[in-house]
Amino acid sequence: MAYFVRMTPPVRTYLWNLSGLTRQGRLSLSICTIGFLRNHGDALRSEPSRRLAPGSSRFRFDHLFADAGRIWHAECIADDSAASYGLLEIVDMDCHYGP
């Protein structure tokens, strides 16, 4: 199933203020992360090891991308409490250089 994916305001603010990432890198990260979760959400949600705790509505996934000659690693947390309505929400993100 393809989901509608949104980032919470704190995640958008975090990306806006993240130093070292170019404007193109921010756009690429946002578009690619949302697209990845939209298209692979069911597979990610179905892996119990990705859940923050048993029965939690939150799960982890990672995204690697390049920007300005550097490899970046985005560690993301998504919430699927509204998945039955077709919505997944990225609620936390931490980005840093390297894998």
Foldseek 3Di string as FASTA:
>chain_A
DFFQEEEDPVAVVCLVPDPPADPVRSVCVVVVVRRCCRVCVVVQVPDQVQAPDVPAQKGWDWDWDDGPRWIKIKIWIKGCPVVVVRYIYTYDIDMDTDD
